[in-house]
Each structure stands twice: as structure tokens, then as C-alpha cells.
Amino acid sequence: MGIVTATAWLYYRSLWAILFLTPLWIIRMREGIKKLEKKKEAEFLKQFQNLLQMLSSSLMAGYSLENAMKEVQKEIKVLYGKHTRIQKELNIMIRQLNIQMPVEDIWKEMADRVRTDDVNTFAEVLGAAKRSGAGMLEILRDTGSQIGEKIEVKREIDGILAAKTYELKVMTMIPYGMIAYMTVSFPEFLKGLYGSVLGKGVMTGCLALYLGACCIGTKILEIEV
């Protein structure tokens, strides 16, 4: 809400402007929530990759997929803790195993809950493999490798964009700094912009251009893997 208050004061010299600038705060909050969701999804994908690697190791040791899942549940709990998303999903899956639910249906339901493309693809391939009798170990290895490559590409892209993201943040603050400087140093120069309808219209136009530039800059830096 602080950025909305600063905008209302610097652009309009009126806290009443907060009322019609509130949608900007709502949009900003939604963007923050979206970023948090993406971060959580990336964390879950990494955990899911480790889960597949552990399942592969258990299958190589001679476990069936069902027993491997039960063993991995204990390892995941130690590695990530009992309150993580991957652990909660595993707990649900083990309860379903205990009531003799088919393992391919268990994975399909998990994919429906988490709604992640990689998990959904794995569940579909697993179901097809169970019906055809294909090897589980190869499927787990291939899927884990693909997810690992995706995570690595995403990490490289994030590294490249980190500096640009910082530059964008600095650039978005420059207009506020300039207006604040002009207000302190040359208050009479800006007086006409706050005391007339025409002046407020000019400031509204400047604000619209600023917000448009911010949106374009943000969209440019949004690269999906």
C-alpha cells in the first residue's frame, strides 16, 4: 500500500487519490501472489525430481514400485520435513496404497491435485507403462533427467535475467525520485501541475505512460521454460 500512497502524493498531492489508485495495489498484490506460486511450483518440481531419483534407487535395489514408494516416503520426510507439499502428497498416496488402490490411479490423482505439466506427463506415461508392461526404472530415469534439464535451463535463464530485473526495479523508481527532487528543489515549478484540472490531466497521462512502460518491461522479462 506504501507505493500507492507515494503515487497519490507525488502525482496528485492528494491522499484522496488513493481511492482510485487502489486497483494498482490490488494488481501489485496479485503479481506478488503469482510470483510466490511460481516459486513454490519450482520448489515442488525439484522435490519431485528427487522423489523420482529415490524411487529409481529403490527399484534398482529390487523393490516393487509400491514398496519403493513406502520406503521413499520415510526418506523424503527426513530430507524435506513432514509439512512440505511433496511429503503431504506422499502421505495421501501411501494411504491409497494401503487400501489397495492401483498405483497408476494413485499417480493420476496426484497429478490432478498438483496440476503440474511434468507430474501429469509422468502419470500418463506410468499408466501406459503399467498397461503395456514396460520397465518402470527407465521411465523414472528419463522423467527425472528431463525435469533436471528443465530446472537447469530455468536456473541459467534466471541468472541471466537477474541483472536486468534489478535494472528494471531501479528504473521504475527513477520517476518517483525525480518528482520528489523537483518537489523539494523547485516547488514553484510543479505548482501548476497540482493546482489545475489540466495539470492533473498531464500527471495522469504521465502516470499512464509510466505504468505502461512498467508492464512492458515486466512482460519482456517473463520467460517460461
Protein backbone atom coordinates (compact mmCIF):
# COMPACT_ATOMS: atom_id res chain seq x y z
CA MET A 1 0.00 0.00 0.00
CA GLY A 2 3.02 2.28 0.52
CA ILE A 3 3.69 2.60 -3.22
CA VAL A 4 0.05 3.63 -3.82
CA THR A 5 0.27 6.28 -1.10
CA ALA A 6 3.53 7.61 -2.57
CA THR A 7 1.97 7.69 -6.04
CA ALA A 8 -1.10 9.55 -4.80
CA TRP A 9 1.02 12.19 -3.07
CA LEU A 10 3.72 12.67 -5.70
CA TYR A 11 1.42 12.68 -8.72
CA TYR A 12 -1.65 14.40 -7.28
CA ARG A 13 -0.69 15.93 -3.92
CA SER A 14 -3.86 14.35 -2.53
CA LEU A 15 -4.35 11.27 -0.39
CA TRP A 16 -7.89 11.08 -1.83
CA ALA A 17 -6.24 9.79 -5.00
CA ILE A 18 -5.59 6.56 -3.10
CA LEU A 19 -9.23 5.66 -3.70
CA PHE A 20 -8.91 5.38 -7.48
CA LEU A 21 -5.32 4.14 -7.31
CA THR A 22 -6.30 1.19 -5.10
CA PRO A 23 -6.73 -1.11 -8.15
CA LEU A 24 -3.00 -0.64 -8.78
CA TRP A 25 -2.30 -2.02 -5.31
CA ILE A 26 -4.62 -4.98 -5.99
CA ILE A 27 -2.80 -5.71 -9.27
CA ARG A 28 0.55 -5.47 -7.48
CA MET A 29 -0.65 -7.89 -4.80
CA ARG A 30 -1.84 -10.35 -7.45
CA GLU A 31 1.53 -10.19 -9.17
CA GLY A 32 3.22 -10.88 -5.84
CA ILE A 33 0.98 -13.89 -5.24
CA LYS A 34 1.67 -15.17 -8.77
CA LYS A 35 5.44 -14.91 -8.22
CA LEU A 36 5.12 -16.77 -4.91
CA GLU A 37 3.11 -19.52 -6.59
CA LYS A 38 5.75 -19.88 -9.31
CA LYS A 39 8.47 -20.12 -6.67
CA LYS A 40 6.55 -22.82 -4.80
CA GLU A 41 5.96 -24.72 -8.04
CA ALA A 42 9.69 -24.61 -8.83
CA GLU A 43 10.49 -25.93 -5.34
CA PHE A 44 7.94 -28.72 -5.72
CA LEU A 45 9.37 -29.68 -9.12
CA LYS A 46 12.84 -30.00 -7.60
CA GLN A 47 11.41 -32.14 -4.79
CA PHE A 48 9.56 -34.27 -7.33
CA GLN A 49 12.79 -34.81 -9.25
CA ASN A 50 14.49 -36.03 -6.06
CA LEU A 51 11.49 -38.28 -5.41
CA LEU A 52 11.92 -39.94 -8.82
CA GLN A 53 15.65 -40.41 -8.22
CA MET A 54 14.95 -42.09 -4.88
CA LEU A 55 12.32 -44.32 -6.47
CA SER A 56 14.84 -45.31 -9.16
CA SER A 57 17.38 -46.29 -6.49
CA SER A 58 14.77 -48.37 -4.65
CA LEU A 59 13.72 -50.15 -7.86
CA MET A 60 17.37 -50.94 -8.60
CA ALA A 61 17.60 -52.44 -5.10
CA GLY A 62 14.79 -54.85 -6.02
CA TYR A 63 11.72 -53.15 -4.56
CA SER A 64 8.41 -53.09 -6.38
CA LEU A 65 7.07 -49.62 -7.22
CA GLU A 66 4.53 -49.85 -4.40
CA ASN A 67 7.13 -50.80 -1.78
CA ALA A 68 9.59 -48.28 -3.19
CA MET A 69 7.02 -45.52 -2.61
CA LYS A 70 6.68 -46.57 1.04
CA GLU A 71 10.44 -46.53 1.54
CA VAL A 72 10.85 -43.18 -0.19
CA GLN A 73 8.13 -41.66 2.00
CA LYS A 74 10.44 -42.06 5.01
CA GLU A 75 13.44 -40.61 3.16
CA ILE A 76 11.51 -37.59 1.89
CA LYS A 77 10.27 -36.88 5.41
CA VAL A 78 13.86 -36.77 6.68
CA LEU A 79 15.08 -34.71 3.70
CA TYR A 80 12.32 -32.07 3.47
CA GLY A 81 10.27 -32.37 6.67
CA LYS A 82 6.73 -33.56 7.30
CA HIS A 83 4.98 -30.28 6.40
CA THR A 84 6.27 -29.93 2.83
CA ARG A 85 3.98 -30.31 -0.15
CA ILE A 86 5.76 -33.37 -1.52
CA GLN A 87 5.54 -35.13 1.85
CA LYS A 88 1.83 -34.40 2.15
CA GLU A 89 1.25 -35.80 -1.33
CA LEU A 90 3.22 -38.92 -0.46
CA ASN A 91 1.18 -39.41 2.70
CA ILE A 92 -2.02 -39.36 0.65
CA MET A 93 -0.55 -41.78 -1.88
CA ILE A 94 0.57 -44.26 0.78
CA ARG A 95 -2.89 -44.23 2.37
CA GLN A 96 -4.33 -45.02 -1.05
CA LEU A 97 -1.82 -47.84 -1.47
CA ASN A 98 -2.88 -49.28 1.87
CA ILE A 99 -6.47 -49.60 0.65
CA GLN A 100 -5.25 -51.49 -2.45
CA MET A 101 -5.81 -48.68 -4.94
CA PRO A 102 -3.99 -49.30 -8.27
CA VAL A 103 -0.67 -47.45 -8.32
CA GLU A 104 -1.31 -45.87 -11.74
CA ASP A 105 -4.58 -44.40 -10.44
CA ILE A 106 -2.76 -43.06 -7.39
CA TRP A 107 -0.27 -41.18 -9.55
CA LYS A 108 -3.04 -39.91 -11.81
CA GLU A 109 -4.91 -38.46 -8.81
CA MET A 110 -1.70 -36.84 -7.57
CA ALA A 111 -1.21 -35.22 -10.99
CA ASP A 112 -4.79 -33.93 -10.86
CA ARG A 113 -4.15 -32.38 -7.44
CA VAL A 114 -0.83 -30.67 -8.13
CA ARG A 115 -1.68 -29.59 -11.71
CA THR A 116 1.92 -29.54 -12.91
CA ASP A 117 2.71 -30.50 -16.50
CA ASP A 118 5.72 -32.65 -15.63
CA VAL A 119 3.84 -34.64 -12.98
CA ASN A 120 0.87 -35.08 -15.30
CA THR A 121 3.12 -36.32 -18.11
CA PHE A 122 4.81 -38.77 -15.76
CA ALA A 123 1.46 -40.08 -14.51
CA GLU A 124 0.24 -40.64 -18.08
CA VAL A 125 3.45 -42.42 -19.12
CA LEU A 126 3.37 -44.52 -15.94
CA GLY A 127 -0.23 -45.56 -16.63
CA ALA A 128 0.64 -46.56 -20.20
CA ALA A 129 3.71 -48.46 -18.99
CA LYS A 130 1.71 -50.41 -16.41
CA ARG A 131 -0.76 -51.45 -19.08
CA SER A 132 1.94 -52.46 -21.56
CA GLY A 133 4.37 -53.95 -19.06
CA ALA A 134 7.23 -51.55 -19.88
CA GLY A 135 10.09 -51.04 -17.43
CA MET A 136 9.47 -48.62 -14.56
CA LEU A 137 13.14 -47.91 -13.99
CA GLU A 138 13.71 -46.45 -17.47
CA ILE A 139 10.61 -44.26 -17.15
CA LEU A 140 11.71 -42.88 -13.79
CA ARG A 141 15.22 -42.17 -15.06
CA ASP A 142 14.04 -40.48 -18.26
CA THR A 143 11.46 -38.32 -16.48
CA GLY A 144 13.91 -37.35 -13.74
CA SER A 145 16.51 -36.44 -16.36
CA GLN A 146 14.04 -34.29 -18.31
CA ILE A 147 12.93 -32.44 -15.19
CA GLY A 148 16.57 -31.92 -14.18
CA GLU A 149 17.36 -30.39 -17.58
CA LYS A 150 14.33 -28.11 -17.29
CA ILE A 151 15.40 -26.95 -13.82
CA GLU A 152 18.95 -26.28 -15.05
CA VAL A 153 17.72 -24.25 -18.03
CA LYS A 154 15.45 -22.25 -15.72
CA ARG A 155 18.36 -21.58 -13.35
CA GLU A 156 20.54 -20.33 -16.22
CA ILE A 157 17.77 -18.06 -17.51
CA ASP A 158 17.15 -16.67 -14.02
CA GLY A 159 20.86 -15.93 -13.69
CA ILE A 160 20.90 -14.05 -16.99
CA LEU A 161 17.77 -12.08 -16.14
CA ALA A 162 18.76 -11.24 -12.54
CA ALA A 163 20.76 -8.15 -13.54
CA LYS A 164 18.05 -6.99 -15.95
CA THR A 165 15.38 -7.44 -13.29
CA TYR A 166 17.41 -5.29 -10.89
CA GLU A 167 17.86 -2.64 -13.58
CA LEU A 168 14.11 -2.60 -14.20
CA LYS A 169 13.42 -2.11 -10.48
CA VAL A 170 15.85 0.81 -10.37
CA MET A 171 14.33 2.37 -13.49
CA THR A 172 10.80 2.11 -12.09
CA MET A 173 11.88 4.15 -9.07
CA ILE A 174 13.57 6.92 -11.07
CA PRO A 175 10.33 8.86 -11.87
CA TYR A 176 9.44 8.93 -8.17
CA GLY A 177 12.91 10.18 -7.32
CA MET A 178 12.76 12.88 -9.99
CA ILE A 179 9.36 14.16 -8.86
CA ALA A 180 10.43 14.12 -5.22
CA TYR A 181 13.62 16.02 -6.10
CA MET A 182 11.70 18.63 -8.11
CA THR A 183 9.20 18.99 -5.27
CA VAL A 184 11.94 19.75 -2.76
CA SER A 185 14.21 21.82 -5.01
CA PHE A 186 11.75 23.67 -7.26
CA PRO A 187 8.28 23.50 -5.67
CA GLU A 188 7.00 26.50 -7.67
CA PHE A 189 7.83 24.71 -10.94
CA LEU A 190 5.38 21.89 -10.19
CA LYS A 191 2.70 24.03 -8.56
CA GLY A 192 0.79 24.41 -11.83
CA LEU A 193 0.55 20.64 -12.26
CA TYR A 194 -1.26 20.18 -8.96
CA GLY A 195 -3.48 23.25 -8.90
CA SER A 196 -5.47 22.84 -12.12
CA VAL A 197 -7.52 20.25 -13.97
CA LEU A 198 -5.14 20.48 -16.93
CA GLY A 199 -2.15 19.86 -14.69
CA LYS A 200 -3.76 16.83 -13.09
CA GLY A 201 -4.59 15.55 -16.57
CA VAL A 202 -0.93 15.87 -17.54
CA MET A 203 0.16 13.99 -14.41
CA THR A 204 -2.43 11.28 -15.10
CA GLY A 205 -1.06 10.91 -18.64
CA CYS A 206 2.49 10.66 -17.30
CA LEU A 207 1.37 8.05 -14.78
CA ALA A 208 -0.36 6.04 -17.51
CA LEU A 209 2.80 6.09 -19.66
CA TYR A 210 4.89 5.07 -16.66
CA LEU A 211 2.61 2.14 -15.80
CA GLY A 212 2.55 1.04 -19.44
CA ALA A 213 6.35 1.06 -19.57
CA CYS A 214 6.49 -0.97 -16.34
CA CYS A 215 4.09 -3.57 -17.77
CA ILE A 216 6.09 -3.87 -21.00
CA GLY A 217 9.36 -4.24 -19.07
CA THR A 218 7.87 -6.93 -16.84
CA LYS A 219 6.46 -8.86 -19.80
CA ILE A 220 9.83 -8.79 -21.58
CA LEU A 221 11.49 -10.41 -18.56
CA GLU A 222 8.86 -13.15 -18.22
CA ILE A 223 10.33 -16.20 -19.94
CA GLU A 224 8.59 -19.54 -19.47
CA VAL A 225 10.61 -22.75 -19.73
